[in-house]
Amino acid sequence: MDCKICRENIHDFIKDNLSRKETGQMNAHLDFCAECHREVAQERNLSSMMNQWEVPKTGKGFDLRLDERLAQERNRPHSWFRRLFSVN
């Protein structure tokens, strides 16, 4: 296995979604390739952090207020453009 194929399979490797043969090939490659080994370690760390992340709870009516605000913004043609380039 080369580095390109290893990198393409990192996520499946971390999630244990590879076949036994592919997993063996990945492990063999990681045994001698320090760069890919480092990338797998970084991806594992990132995956671990993401799994620990909790979605913040929103208050009652948040979705309704957000939908109303988005509708207001949609009805203002090019408002972001005018604000960005407005001359005082």
Protein backbone atom coordinates (compact mmCIF):
# COMPACT_ATOMS: atom_id res chain seq x y z
CA MET A 1 0.00 0.00 0.00
CA ASP A 2 1.28 3.47 -0.82
CA CYS A 3 0.73 6.74 1.04
CA LYS A 4 -2.01 7.95 -1.32
CA ILE A 5 -4.16 4.87 -0.77
CA CYS A 6 -3.42 4.97 2.95
CA ARG A 7 -4.63 8.57 3.20
CA GLU A 8 -7.76 7.76 1.22
CA ASN A 9 -8.58 5.02 3.73
CA ILE A 10 -7.73 6.77 7.01
CA HIS A 11 -11.34 7.48 8.00
CA ASP A 12 -12.52 3.96 7.25
CA PHE A 13 -9.48 2.58 9.08
CA ILE A 14 -10.22 4.65 12.18
CA LYS A 15 -13.90 3.66 12.09
CA ASP A 16 -12.91 0.00 11.61
CA ASN A 17 -14.77 -0.16 8.29
CA LEU A 18 -12.02 -1.84 6.26
CA SER A 19 -11.80 -5.50 5.41
CA ARG A 20 -9.35 -7.66 7.35
CA LYS A 21 -6.99 -7.61 4.35
CA GLU A 22 -7.15 -3.81 3.98
CA THR A 23 -6.63 -3.35 7.71
CA GLY A 24 -3.56 -5.57 7.55
CA GLN A 25 -2.20 -3.57 4.62
CA MET A 26 -2.81 -0.31 6.48
CA ASN A 27 -1.08 -1.59 9.62
CA ALA A 28 1.87 -2.83 7.55
CA HIS A 29 2.18 0.56 5.85
CA LEU A 30 1.86 2.44 9.14
CA ASP A 31 4.64 0.31 10.64
CA PHE A 32 7.20 1.82 8.27
CA CYS A 33 5.70 5.18 7.23
CA ALA A 34 6.08 7.76 9.99
CA GLU A 35 4.20 10.45 8.05
CA CYS A 36 1.07 8.32 7.55
CA HIS A 37 1.34 7.05 11.11
CA ARG A 38 1.33 10.68 12.30
CA GLU A 39 -1.70 11.48 10.11
CA VAL A 40 -3.65 8.52 11.49
CA ALA A 41 -2.81 9.63 15.04
CA GLN A 42 -3.99 13.17 14.28
CA GLU A 43 -7.22 11.91 12.72
CA ARG A 44 -7.85 9.64 15.71
CA ASN A 45 -7.30 12.58 18.05
CA LEU A 46 -9.65 14.78 16.03
CA SER A 47 -12.28 12.05 15.88
CA SER A 48 -12.03 11.57 19.63
CA MET A 49 -12.47 15.29 20.26
CA MET A 50 -15.45 15.46 17.90
CA ASN A 51 -17.10 12.50 19.66
CA GLN A 52 -16.78 14.34 22.99
CA TRP A 53 -18.32 17.55 21.65
CA GLU A 54 -21.83 18.22 22.87
CA VAL A 55 -24.31 20.21 20.84
CA PRO A 56 -25.44 23.23 22.85
CA LYS A 57 -29.08 23.22 23.85
CA THR A 58 -31.22 26.04 22.50
CA GLY A 59 -34.06 27.75 24.27
CA LYS A 60 -37.73 27.38 23.48
CA GLY A 61 -38.73 29.11 20.28
CA PHE A 62 -35.18 29.34 18.96
CA ASP A 63 -36.04 27.63 15.67
CA LEU A 64 -39.07 29.85 15.15
CA ARG A 65 -37.10 33.03 15.86
CA LEU A 66 -34.31 31.88 13.56
CA ASP A 67 -36.74 31.11 10.73
CA GLU A 68 -38.36 34.53 11.15
CA ARG A 69 -35.00 36.29 11.09
CA LEU A 70 -33.87 34.38 8.01
CA ALA A 71 -37.12 35.26 6.23
CA GLN A 72 -36.55 38.95 7.06
CA GLU A 73 -33.03 38.80 5.67
CA ARG A 74 -34.21 37.04 2.50
CA ASN A 75 -36.70 39.84 1.89
CA ARG A 76 -33.98 42.48 2.03
CA PRO A 77 -32.40 42.37 -1.43
CA HIS A 78 -28.64 42.43 -1.30
CA SER A 79 -28.62 43.85 2.23
CA TRP A 80 -25.23 42.33 3.04
CA PHE A 81 -23.79 43.84 -0.13
CA ARG A 82 -25.12 47.30 0.69
CA ARG A 83 -23.82 47.14 4.25
CA LEU A 84 -20.42 45.96 3.10
CA PHE A 85 -19.97 48.68 0.50
CA SER A 86 -21.99 51.52 2.01
CA VAL A 87 -20.35 54.93 2.04
CA ASN A 88 -21.03 57.12 5.08
